Amino acid sequence: MSNSLLTRVPLPVKLGVLLGTALLAAACGSSTSSSSPAGTSTGAGAGSSSSASGTAMVITTHSGSAGTYLTDGSGKTVYLWVKDPMGKSVCEGACAGAWPPVTTVGAPTATGSATAADLGTITRSDGTKQVTYDGHPLYYFAGDTSAGMTAGQGVDGFGAKWWLVAPSGASITTTGSGSSAPASSPASPKGGWS
């Protein structure tokens, strides 16, 4: 009977539950103390294995229905947020839970069509180094559960759009045919998405 109930739940509700679970896991998953102000993210999250392993982040490219876009070395898609000013991240707290910053220890490196000269870092409020590309801070989307997923493409969350990043540094504002981007963003937690 539980299978028939599950098939009757609309997709936006399922996506909302998935996002809520990811946010809860991100909020509860840290066992280290931090001097970050309450409500700020430590930058740990999807694809942040470079920080855990002590190696620099690799930024490369992948080609899909929306064109060629940036990923990390494991193939996880990275995004830019239109609300960020150049060279600065304003995605903190719940935003950073849903959109974990791409962090690094050491200078990030480029492969594929990514350009090494466009890579840089900024220091977040918690002291972690966030990777930038052409001045744009880079993020993962908690809803992308495996390499190659682009479910965050075009999502309007936390007050602005999230886009794939072209090797030129420009945002890719089309979803392309067959993209896994949602037609509309799932219901957001109170005070989260706008």
N, C-alpha and C. Protein backbone atom coordinates (compact mmCIF):
# COMPACT_ATOMS: atom_id res chain seq x y z
N MET A 1 0.81 -1.19 0.00
CA MET A 1 0.00 0.00 0.00
C MET A 1 0.86 1.26 0.00
N SER A 2 2.04 1.21 0.64
CA SER A 2 2.89 2.40 0.68
C SER A 2 3.39 2.76 -0.71
N ASN A 3 3.60 1.79 -1.59
CA ASN A 3 4.03 2.11 -2.95
C ASN A 3 2.96 2.87 -3.70
N SER A 4 1.69 2.51 -3.54
CA SER A 4 0.63 3.22 -4.25
C SER A 4 0.47 4.63 -3.71
N LEU A 5 0.69 4.82 -2.42
CA LEU A 5 0.63 6.16 -1.84
C LEU A 5 1.76 7.01 -2.39
N LEU A 6 2.96 6.45 -2.51
CA LEU A 6 4.12 7.18 -3.01
C LEU A 6 3.91 7.62 -4.45
N THR A 7 3.27 6.79 -5.26
CA THR A 7 3.08 7.16 -6.67
C THR A 7 2.05 8.27 -6.82
N ARG A 8 1.22 8.50 -5.80
CA ARG A 8 0.21 9.56 -5.88
C ARG A 8 0.74 10.91 -5.39
N VAL A 9 1.91 10.94 -4.81
CA VAL A 9 2.49 12.19 -4.32
C VAL A 9 3.06 12.96 -5.51
N PRO A 10 2.63 14.23 -5.68
CA PRO A 10 3.13 15.03 -6.82
C PRO A 10 4.64 15.22 -6.75
N LEU A 11 5.28 15.32 -7.92
CA LEU A 11 6.72 15.50 -8.02
C LEU A 11 7.22 16.71 -7.23
N PRO A 12 6.56 17.88 -7.28
CA PRO A 12 7.07 19.01 -6.50
C PRO A 12 7.13 18.70 -5.00
N VAL A 13 6.19 17.91 -4.49
CA VAL A 13 6.21 17.55 -3.08
C VAL A 13 7.39 16.63 -2.80
N LYS A 14 7.64 15.66 -3.69
CA LYS A 14 8.78 14.76 -3.53
C LYS A 14 10.09 15.55 -3.54
N LEU A 15 10.22 16.53 -4.48
CA LEU A 15 11.42 17.35 -4.55
C LEU A 15 11.58 18.20 -3.29
N GLY A 16 10.45 18.72 -2.76
CA GLY A 16 10.49 19.50 -1.53
C GLY A 16 10.96 18.67 -0.35
N VAL A 17 10.49 17.42 -0.28
CA VAL A 17 10.93 16.53 0.79
C VAL A 17 12.43 16.25 0.65
N LEU A 18 12.88 15.99 -0.58
CA LEU A 18 14.31 15.75 -0.82
C LEU A 18 15.15 16.95 -0.41
N LEU A 19 14.73 18.15 -0.80
CA LEU A 19 15.47 19.36 -0.45
C LEU A 19 15.45 19.58 1.05
N GLY A 20 14.29 19.37 1.68
CA GLY A 20 14.20 19.52 3.13
C GLY A 20 15.11 18.56 3.86
N THR A 21 15.17 17.32 3.38
CA THR A 21 16.05 16.33 3.98
C THR A 21 17.51 16.73 3.81
N ALA A 22 17.86 17.24 2.63
CA ALA A 22 19.24 17.67 2.39
C ALA A 22 19.60 18.85 3.30
N LEU A 23 18.66 19.79 3.48
CA LEU A 23 18.92 20.93 4.35
C LEU A 23 19.10 20.48 5.80
N LEU A 24 18.25 19.55 6.24
CA LEU A 24 18.36 19.03 7.60
C LEU A 24 19.67 18.29 7.79
N ALA A 25 20.05 17.49 6.82
CA ALA A 25 21.32 16.75 6.91
C ALA A 25 22.50 17.72 6.94
N ALA A 26 22.44 18.78 6.15
CA ALA A 26 23.52 19.76 6.15
C ALA A 26 23.60 20.49 7.48
N ALA A 27 22.44 20.78 8.06
CA ALA A 27 22.42 21.49 9.34
C ALA A 27 22.89 20.61 10.49
N CYS A 28 22.60 19.32 10.42
CA CYS A 28 22.93 18.41 11.52
C CYS A 28 24.22 17.64 11.30
N GLY A 29 24.78 17.70 10.10
CA GLY A 29 25.89 16.83 9.75
C GLY A 29 27.24 17.24 10.28
N SER A 30 27.41 18.45 10.76
CA SER A 30 28.73 18.90 11.18
C SER A 30 29.00 18.50 12.62
N SER A 31 30.16 17.90 12.87
CA SER A 31 30.51 17.53 14.23
C SER A 31 31.68 18.35 14.74
N THR A 32 32.13 19.31 13.96
CA THR A 32 33.24 20.14 14.40
C THR A 32 32.71 21.49 14.85
N SER A 33 33.42 22.10 15.77
CA SER A 33 32.99 23.41 16.21
C SER A 33 33.54 24.46 15.27
N SER A 34 32.88 25.58 15.24
CA SER A 34 33.28 26.66 14.35
C SER A 34 33.03 27.98 15.03
N SER A 35 33.79 28.97 14.65
CA SER A 35 33.57 30.30 15.20
C SER A 35 32.61 31.09 14.33
N SER A 36 31.90 30.39 13.42
CA SER A 36 30.95 31.07 12.54
C SER A 36 29.78 31.59 13.35
N PRO A 37 29.22 32.73 12.97
CA PRO A 37 28.01 33.20 13.63
C PRO A 37 26.89 32.20 13.44
N ALA A 38 25.96 32.17 14.36
CA ALA A 38 24.83 31.24 14.27
C ALA A 38 24.13 31.44 12.95
N GLY A 39 23.80 30.33 12.30
CA GLY A 39 23.06 30.38 11.05
C GLY A 39 23.92 30.45 9.81
N THR A 40 25.24 30.46 9.96
CA THR A 40 26.06 30.48 8.75
C THR A 40 26.58 29.09 8.47
N SER A 41 26.83 28.83 7.23
CA SER A 41 27.31 27.52 6.81
C SER A 41 28.82 27.46 6.89
N THR A 42 29.33 26.28 7.15
CA THR A 42 30.78 26.11 7.15
C THR A 42 31.30 25.79 5.77
N GLY A 43 30.42 25.72 4.77
CA GLY A 43 30.86 25.47 3.41
C GLY A 43 30.99 24.00 3.10
N ALA A 44 30.81 23.12 4.07
CA ALA A 44 30.87 21.69 3.80
C ALA A 44 29.59 21.29 3.11
N GLY A 45 29.67 20.32 2.27
CA GLY A 45 28.47 19.86 1.60
C GLY A 45 28.83 19.06 0.39
N ALA A 46 27.87 18.98 -0.53
CA ALA A 46 28.04 18.17 -1.72
C ALA A 46 29.33 18.51 -2.43
N GLY A 47 30.14 17.53 -2.65
CA GLY A 47 31.34 17.70 -3.45
C GLY A 47 32.47 18.43 -2.76
N SER A 48 32.40 18.63 -1.46
CA SER A 48 33.47 19.37 -0.80
C SER A 48 34.59 18.45 -0.35
N SER A 49 34.77 17.34 -1.03
CA SER A 49 35.78 16.37 -0.65
C SER A 49 37.20 16.93 -0.75
N SER A 50 37.39 17.98 -1.52
CA SER A 50 38.74 18.55 -1.62
C SER A 50 39.19 19.08 -0.28
N SER A 51 38.29 19.67 0.49
CA SER A 51 38.65 20.19 1.80
C SER A 51 38.99 19.05 2.74
N ALA A 52 38.21 17.97 2.68
CA ALA A 52 38.42 16.85 3.59
C ALA A 52 39.72 16.13 3.27
N SER A 53 40.07 16.04 2.01
CA SER A 53 41.27 15.29 1.63
C SER A 53 42.53 16.14 1.64
N GLY A 54 42.39 17.45 1.76
CA GLY A 54 43.55 18.32 1.79
C GLY A 54 44.12 18.63 0.41
N THR A 55 43.38 18.39 -0.64
CA THR A 55 43.85 18.69 -1.99
C THR A 55 43.05 19.84 -2.58
N ALA A 56 43.62 20.50 -3.56
CA ALA A 56 42.95 21.62 -4.21
C ALA A 56 41.81 21.13 -5.09
N MET A 57 40.80 21.97 -5.23
CA MET A 57 39.64 21.68 -6.07
C MET A 57 40.04 21.73 -7.54
N VAL A 58 39.51 20.80 -8.32
CA VAL A 58 39.70 20.78 -9.76
C VAL A 58 38.39 21.22 -10.40
N ILE A 59 38.44 22.21 -11.28
CA ILE A 59 37.27 22.65 -12.04
C ILE A 59 37.51 22.24 -13.49
N THR A 60 36.52 21.56 -14.04
CA THR A 60 36.60 21.08 -15.42
C THR A 60 35.28 21.37 -16.11
N THR A 61 35.02 20.75 -17.25
CA THR A 61 33.81 21.01 -18.01
C THR A 61 33.11 19.72 -18.38
N HIS A 62 31.82 19.87 -18.68
CA HIS A 62 30.99 18.76 -19.13
C HIS A 62 30.06 19.32 -20.21
N SER A 63 29.74 18.52 -21.20
CA SER A 63 28.80 18.95 -22.24
C SER A 63 27.48 18.23 -22.05
N GLY A 64 26.40 19.00 -22.10
CA GLY A 64 25.05 18.46 -21.95
C GLY A 64 24.09 19.21 -22.84
N SER A 65 22.80 19.02 -22.58
CA SER A 65 21.77 19.63 -23.42
C SER A 65 21.78 21.16 -23.36
N ALA A 66 22.31 21.72 -22.27
CA ALA A 66 22.36 23.19 -22.15
C ALA A 66 23.68 23.75 -22.69
N GLY A 67 24.56 22.89 -23.18
CA GLY A 67 25.85 23.34 -23.70
C GLY A 67 26.98 22.82 -22.83
N THR A 68 28.15 23.44 -22.94
CA THR A 68 29.32 23.07 -22.13
C THR A 68 29.32 23.93 -20.88
N TYR A 69 29.43 23.28 -19.71
CA TYR A 69 29.36 23.99 -18.44
C TYR A 69 30.39 23.44 -17.46
N LEU A 70 30.64 24.20 -16.40
CA LEU A 70 31.64 23.83 -15.42
C LEU A 70 31.13 22.77 -14.45
N THR A 71 32.05 21.88 -14.05
CA THR A 71 31.81 20.91 -13.00
C THR A 71 33.06 20.84 -12.14
N ASP A 72 32.97 20.10 -11.03
CA ASP A 72 34.19 19.83 -10.28
C ASP A 72 34.86 18.61 -10.91
N GLY A 73 35.99 18.20 -10.38
CA GLY A 73 36.74 17.08 -10.94
C GLY A 73 36.01 15.75 -10.88
N SER A 74 34.97 15.66 -10.03
CA SER A 74 34.17 14.43 -9.93
C SER A 74 32.96 14.46 -10.85
N GLY A 75 32.78 15.56 -11.58
CA GLY A 75 31.64 15.67 -12.50
C GLY A 75 30.41 16.31 -11.89
N LYS A 76 30.49 16.77 -10.63
CA LYS A 76 29.35 17.45 -10.00
C LYS A 76 29.23 18.85 -10.57
N THR A 77 28.03 19.21 -11.00
CA THR A 77 27.76 20.51 -11.61
C THR A 77 27.94 21.63 -10.60
N VAL A 78 28.51 22.74 -11.05
CA VAL A 78 28.64 23.94 -10.23
C VAL A 78 27.83 25.07 -10.86
N TYR A 79 27.37 25.99 -10.02
CA TYR A 79 26.48 27.06 -10.44
C TYR A 79 27.00 28.41 -9.94
N LEU A 80 26.47 29.48 -10.56
CA LEU A 80 26.66 30.83 -10.04
C LEU A 80 25.29 31.35 -9.64
N TRP A 81 25.28 32.32 -8.74
CA TRP A 81 24.05 32.93 -8.25
C TRP A 81 24.03 34.38 -8.68
N VAL A 82 22.99 34.79 -9.36
CA VAL A 82 22.88 36.14 -9.90
C VAL A 82 22.96 37.20 -8.80
N LYS A 83 22.53 36.88 -7.59
CA LYS A 83 22.50 37.86 -6.50
C LYS A 83 23.89 38.21 -5.96
N ASP A 84 24.87 37.32 -6.15
CA ASP A 84 26.22 37.60 -5.64
C ASP A 84 26.87 38.75 -6.40
N PRO A 85 27.43 39.73 -5.67
CA PRO A 85 28.26 40.72 -6.36
C PRO A 85 29.56 40.04 -6.80
N MET A 86 30.23 40.57 -7.80
CA MET A 86 31.48 39.98 -8.27
C MET A 86 32.48 39.89 -7.12
N GLY A 87 33.08 38.72 -6.96
CA GLY A 87 34.11 38.52 -5.97
C GLY A 87 33.63 38.43 -4.54
N LYS A 88 32.32 38.21 -4.32
CA LYS A 88 31.79 38.11 -2.97
C LYS A 88 30.59 37.19 -2.94
N SER A 89 30.49 36.37 -1.88
CA SER A 89 29.33 35.50 -1.68
C SER A 89 28.43 36.11 -0.63
N VAL A 90 27.13 36.19 -0.94
CA VAL A 90 26.14 36.61 0.05
C VAL A 90 25.19 35.47 0.37
N CYS A 91 25.55 34.26 -0.03
CA CYS A 91 24.75 33.06 0.24
C CYS A 91 25.25 32.45 1.55
N GLU A 92 24.50 32.63 2.63
CA GLU A 92 24.87 32.13 3.95
C GLU A 92 23.68 31.36 4.54
N GLY A 93 23.86 30.73 5.66
CA GLY A 93 22.78 30.08 6.39
C GLY A 93 22.03 29.05 5.56
N ALA A 94 20.70 29.21 5.51
CA ALA A 94 19.85 28.25 4.78
C ALA A 94 20.21 28.22 3.30
N CYS A 95 20.59 29.37 2.75
CA CYS A 95 21.00 29.43 1.34
C CYS A 95 22.18 28.50 1.10
N ALA A 96 23.21 28.59 1.95
CA ALA A 96 24.40 27.75 1.79
C ALA A 96 24.10 26.29 2.10
N GLY A 97 23.02 26.01 2.83
CA GLY A 97 22.61 24.62 3.04
C GLY A 97 22.04 24.01 1.77
N ALA A 98 21.25 24.79 1.04
CA ALA A 98 20.66 24.32 -0.21
C ALA A 98 21.64 24.42 -1.37
N TRP A 99 22.55 25.38 -1.30
CA TRP A 99 23.53 25.65 -2.35
C TRP A 99 24.92 25.68 -1.72
N PRO A 100 25.49 24.51 -1.36
CA PRO A 100 26.79 24.49 -0.69
C PRO A 100 27.89 25.13 -1.54
N PRO A 101 28.69 26.00 -0.93
CA PRO A 101 29.79 26.62 -1.66
C PRO A 101 30.81 25.57 -2.12
N VAL A 102 31.41 25.79 -3.27
CA VAL A 102 32.51 24.95 -3.74
C VAL A 102 33.75 25.48 -3.02
N THR A 103 34.34 24.65 -2.17
CA THR A 103 35.48 25.09 -1.36
C THR A 103 36.75 24.36 -1.77
N THR A 104 37.87 24.91 -1.34
CA THR A 104 39.16 24.33 -1.68
C THR A 104 40.15 24.61 -0.56
N VAL A 105 41.18 23.78 -0.50
CA VAL A 105 42.36 24.08 0.31
C VAL A 105 43.50 24.16 -0.69
N GLY A 106 44.04 25.33 -0.85
CA GLY A 106 45.04 25.52 -1.89
C GLY A 106 44.42 26.13 -3.13
N ALA A 107 45.25 26.40 -4.11
CA ALA A 107 44.79 27.03 -5.34
C ALA A 107 44.02 26.03 -6.19
N PRO A 108 42.80 26.39 -6.65
CA PRO A 108 42.06 25.48 -7.53
C PRO A 108 42.77 25.35 -8.88
N THR A 109 42.54 24.22 -9.54
CA THR A 109 43.15 23.98 -10.84
C THR A 109 42.08 23.75 -11.90
N ALA A 110 42.45 23.96 -13.16
CA ALA A 110 41.50 23.84 -14.27
C ALA A 110 41.93 22.74 -15.22
N THR A 111 40.94 22.01 -15.74
CA THR A 111 41.15 21.04 -16.81
C THR A 111 40.01 21.20 -17.81
N GLY A 112 40.03 20.39 -18.86
CA GLY A 112 38.99 20.49 -19.88
C GLY A 112 39.02 21.87 -20.52
N SER A 113 37.84 22.45 -20.74
CA SER A 113 37.74 23.78 -21.34
C SER A 113 37.77 24.90 -20.31
N ALA A 114 37.89 24.56 -19.03
CA ALA A 114 37.98 25.59 -17.99
C ALA A 114 39.33 26.31 -18.12
N THR A 115 39.34 27.59 -17.80
CA THR A 115 40.54 28.40 -17.94
C THR A 115 41.14 28.68 -16.57
N ALA A 116 42.39 28.28 -16.38
CA ALA A 116 43.06 28.45 -15.09
C ALA A 116 43.11 29.91 -14.66
N ALA A 117 43.30 30.83 -15.61
CA ALA A 117 43.39 32.25 -15.28
C ALA A 117 42.08 32.80 -14.71
N ASP A 118 40.96 32.14 -14.99
CA ASP A 118 39.66 32.60 -14.48
C ASP A 118 39.35 32.07 -13.09
N LEU A 119 40.16 31.14 -12.58
CA LEU A 119 39.93 30.58 -11.25
C LEU A 119 40.51 31.47 -10.17
N GLY A 120 39.86 31.51 -9.05
CA GLY A 120 40.33 32.26 -7.89
C GLY A 120 39.62 31.76 -6.65
N THR A 121 39.83 32.43 -5.54
CA THR A 121 39.14 32.10 -4.30
C THR A 121 38.76 33.38 -3.57
N ILE A 122 37.75 33.26 -2.74
CA ILE A 122 37.38 34.30 -1.79
C ILE A 122 37.32 33.63 -0.43
N THR A 123 37.44 34.42 0.61
CA THR A 123 37.33 33.89 1.96
C THR A 123 35.92 34.16 2.48
N ARG A 124 35.22 33.08 2.86
CA ARG A 124 33.87 33.19 3.39
C ARG A 124 33.92 33.67 4.85
N SER A 125 32.77 34.02 5.38
CA SER A 125 32.71 34.54 6.75
C SER A 125 33.20 33.52 7.78
N ASP A 126 33.15 32.22 7.44
CA ASP A 126 33.62 31.19 8.38
C ASP A 126 35.09 30.84 8.17
N GLY A 127 35.75 31.54 7.25
CA GLY A 127 37.17 31.32 7.01
C GLY A 127 37.50 30.33 5.91
N THR A 128 36.51 29.62 5.37
CA THR A 128 36.78 28.67 4.29
C THR A 128 37.04 29.43 3.00
N LYS A 129 37.78 28.80 2.10
CA LYS A 129 38.09 29.38 0.80
C LYS A 129 37.07 28.85 -0.22
N GLN A 130 36.32 29.76 -0.82
CA GLN A 130 35.35 29.39 -1.84
C GLN A 130 35.94 29.66 -3.21
N VAL A 131 35.75 28.71 -4.12
CA VAL A 131 36.27 28.84 -5.48
C VAL A 131 35.42 29.83 -6.27
N THR A 132 36.09 30.68 -7.04
CA THR A 132 35.41 31.60 -7.95
C THR A 132 35.87 31.30 -9.38
N TYR A 133 35.02 31.67 -10.32
CA TYR A 133 35.39 31.55 -11.74
C TYR A 133 34.96 32.84 -12.41
N ASP A 134 35.91 33.54 -13.01
CA ASP A 134 35.66 34.84 -13.63
C ASP A 134 34.99 35.78 -12.63
N GLY A 135 35.37 35.66 -11.36
CA GLY A 135 34.83 36.52 -10.30
C GLY A 135 33.55 36.03 -9.65
N HIS A 136 32.91 35.00 -10.22
CA HIS A 136 31.65 34.48 -9.68
C HIS A 136 31.93 33.39 -8.65
N PRO A 137 31.45 33.52 -7.40
CA PRO A 137 31.56 32.42 -6.45
C PRO A 137 30.78 31.21 -6.99
N LEU A 138 31.32 30.01 -6.80
CA LEU A 138 30.70 28.79 -7.32
C LEU A 138 30.03 28.00 -6.20
N TYR A 139 28.93 27.32 -6.57
CA TYR A 139 28.12 26.55 -5.63
C TYR A 139 27.69 25.22 -6.26
N TYR A 140 27.39 24.26 -5.39
CA TYR A 140 26.70 23.05 -5.78
C TYR A 140 25.22 23.25 -5.49
N PHE A 141 24.36 22.34 -5.99
CA PHE A 141 22.94 22.33 -5.63
C PHE A 141 22.68 21.04 -4.86
N ALA A 142 22.09 21.14 -3.68
CA ALA A 142 21.84 19.96 -2.85
C ALA A 142 20.94 18.95 -3.55
N GLY A 143 20.13 19.39 -4.49
CA GLY A 143 19.25 18.50 -5.22
C GLY A 143 19.95 17.69 -6.31
N ASP A 144 21.18 18.04 -6.65
CA ASP A 144 21.98 17.26 -7.61
C ASP A 144 22.65 16.14 -6.83
N THR A 145 22.10 14.95 -6.91
CA THR A 145 22.59 13.84 -6.10
C THR A 145 23.68 13.02 -6.75
N SER A 146 23.97 13.29 -8.01
CA SER A 146 25.04 12.55 -8.69
C SER A 146 25.67 13.42 -9.77
N ALA A 147 26.83 12.98 -10.23
CA ALA A 147 27.55 13.70 -11.28
C ALA A 147 26.67 13.85 -12.51
N GLY A 148 26.77 15.00 -13.17
CA GLY A 148 26.04 15.24 -14.40
C GLY A 148 24.64 15.80 -14.23
N MET A 149 24.10 15.79 -13.01
CA MET A 149 22.76 16.35 -12.79
C MET A 149 22.80 17.87 -12.86
N THR A 150 21.74 18.47 -13.41
CA THR A 150 21.64 19.93 -13.50
C THR A 150 20.27 20.40 -13.00
N ALA A 151 19.78 19.80 -11.92
CA ALA A 151 18.45 20.13 -11.40
C ALA A 151 18.37 21.56 -10.87
N GLY A 152 19.50 22.18 -10.57
CA GLY A 152 19.49 23.55 -10.08
C GLY A 152 19.42 24.61 -11.16
N GLN A 153 19.56 24.21 -12.42
CA GLN A 153 19.59 25.16 -13.53
C GLN A 153 18.30 25.96 -13.60
N GLY A 154 18.42 27.28 -13.50
CA GLY A 154 17.27 28.18 -13.65
C GLY A 154 16.40 28.30 -12.42
N VAL A 155 16.77 27.65 -11.32
CA VAL A 155 15.96 27.75 -10.10
C VAL A 155 16.03 29.18 -9.58
N ASP A 156 14.88 29.70 -9.18
CA ASP A 156 14.80 31.02 -8.58
C ASP A 156 14.71 30.81 -7.08
N GLY A 157 15.85 30.86 -6.42
CA GLY A 157 15.88 30.57 -4.99
C GLY A 157 16.64 31.61 -4.20
N PHE A 158 16.10 31.95 -3.04
CA PHE A 158 16.72 32.92 -2.13
C PHE A 158 16.86 34.28 -2.78
N GLY A 159 15.94 34.62 -3.66
CA GLY A 159 15.89 35.96 -4.21
C GLY A 159 16.51 36.19 -5.57
N ALA A 160 17.04 35.14 -6.19
CA ALA A 160 17.64 35.33 -7.52
C ALA A 160 17.82 33.97 -8.20
N LYS A 161 18.13 34.00 -9.48
CA LYS A 161 18.31 32.79 -10.29
C LYS A 161 19.70 32.17 -10.09
N TRP A 162 19.73 30.85 -10.26
CA TRP A 162 20.96 30.06 -10.22
C TRP A 162 21.18 29.49 -11.62
N TRP A 163 22.39 29.65 -12.16
CA TRP A 163 22.67 29.24 -13.53
C TRP A 163 23.94 28.40 -13.62
N LEU A 164 23.97 27.55 -14.64
CA LEU A 164 25.21 26.86 -15.00
C LEU A 164 26.22 27.92 -15.45
N VAL A 165 27.50 27.55 -15.42
CA VAL A 165 28.56 28.49 -15.78
C VAL A 165 29.27 27.97 -17.03
N ALA A 166 29.33 28.80 -18.06
CA ALA A 166 30.04 28.45 -19.29
C ALA A 166 31.54 28.59 -19.06
N PRO A 167 32.38 27.92 -19.86
CA PRO A 167 33.82 28.08 -19.74
C PRO A 167 34.28 29.53 -19.91
N SER A 168 33.48 30.37 -20.55
CA SER A 168 33.80 31.79 -20.71
C SER A 168 33.58 32.57 -19.41
N GLY A 169 32.87 31.96 -18.45
CA GLY A 169 32.53 32.64 -17.21
C GLY A 169 31.12 33.20 -17.23
N ALA A 170 30.46 33.19 -18.38
CA ALA A 170 29.09 33.70 -18.49
C ALA A 170 28.10 32.68 -17.94
N SER A 171 26.97 33.18 -17.48
CA SER A 171 25.91 32.28 -17.04
C SER A 171 25.20 31.70 -18.27
N ILE A 172 24.82 30.44 -18.17
CA ILE A 172 24.05 29.78 -19.23
C ILE A 172 22.59 29.87 -18.80
N THR A 173 21.81 30.66 -19.50
CA THR A 173 20.44 30.93 -19.07
C THR A 173 19.38 30.14 -19.83
N THR A 174 19.80 29.13 -20.56
CA THR A 174 18.84 28.24 -21.23
C THR A 174 18.92 26.88 -20.57
N THR A 175 17.84 26.14 -20.63
CA THR A 175 17.85 24.82 -20.02
C THR A 175 18.13 23.73 -21.04
N GLY A 176 17.95 24.00 -22.33
CA GLY A 176 18.21 22.99 -23.35
C GLY A 176 17.19 21.88 -23.29
N SER A 177 17.03 21.16 -24.36
CA SER A 177 16.06 20.07 -24.37
C SER A 177 16.61 18.90 -23.57
N GLY A 178 15.74 18.31 -22.79
CA GLY A 178 16.12 17.14 -22.01
C GLY A 178 16.87 17.46 -20.74
N SER A 179 16.97 18.73 -20.38
CA SER A 179 17.65 19.09 -19.14
C SER A 179 16.86 18.59 -17.95
N SER A 180 17.55 18.29 -16.87
CA SER A 180 16.86 17.83 -15.69
C SER A 180 16.47 18.99 -14.78
N ALA A 181 16.48 20.21 -15.30
CA ALA A 181 16.07 21.36 -14.50
C ALA A 181 14.57 21.34 -14.33
N PRO A 182 14.07 21.70 -13.14
CA PRO A 182 12.64 21.71 -12.92
C PRO A 182 11.98 22.88 -13.65
N ALA A 183 10.72 22.69 -14.02
CA ALA A 183 9.98 23.77 -14.67
C ALA A 183 9.75 24.90 -13.70
N SER A 184 9.57 24.58 -12.43
CA SER A 184 9.47 25.59 -11.38
C SER A 184 10.11 25.02 -10.15
N SER A 185 10.54 25.89 -9.27
CA SER A 185 11.22 25.41 -8.08
C SER A 185 10.21 24.78 -7.12
N PRO A 186 10.65 23.77 -6.33
CA PRO A 186 9.75 23.15 -5.38
C PRO A 186 9.38 24.13 -4.28
N ALA A 187 8.33 23.78 -3.54
CA ALA A 187 7.93 24.62 -2.41
C ALA A 187 9.12 24.80 -1.49
N SER A 188 9.28 25.99 -1.00
CA SER A 188 10.46 26.28 -0.20
C SER A 188 10.12 26.31 1.27
N PRO A 189 11.15 26.10 2.10
CA PRO A 189 10.92 26.25 3.52
C PRO A 189 10.57 27.70 3.82
N LYS A 190 9.80 27.93 4.86
CA LYS A 190 9.39 29.29 5.21
C LYS A 190 10.60 30.20 5.33
N GLY A 191 10.56 31.30 4.61
CA GLY A 191 11.64 32.28 4.64
C GLY A 191 12.82 31.92 3.77
N GLY A 192 12.78 30.79 3.06
CA GLY A 192 13.93 30.36 2.26
C GLY A 192 13.88 30.93 0.86
N TRP A 193 13.14 30.31 0.00
CA TRP A 193 13.07 30.73 -1.40
C TRP A 193 12.20 31.93 -1.53
N SER A 194 12.54 32.78 -2.46
CA SER A 194 11.66 33.92 -2.71
C SER A 194 11.36 34.01 -4.16
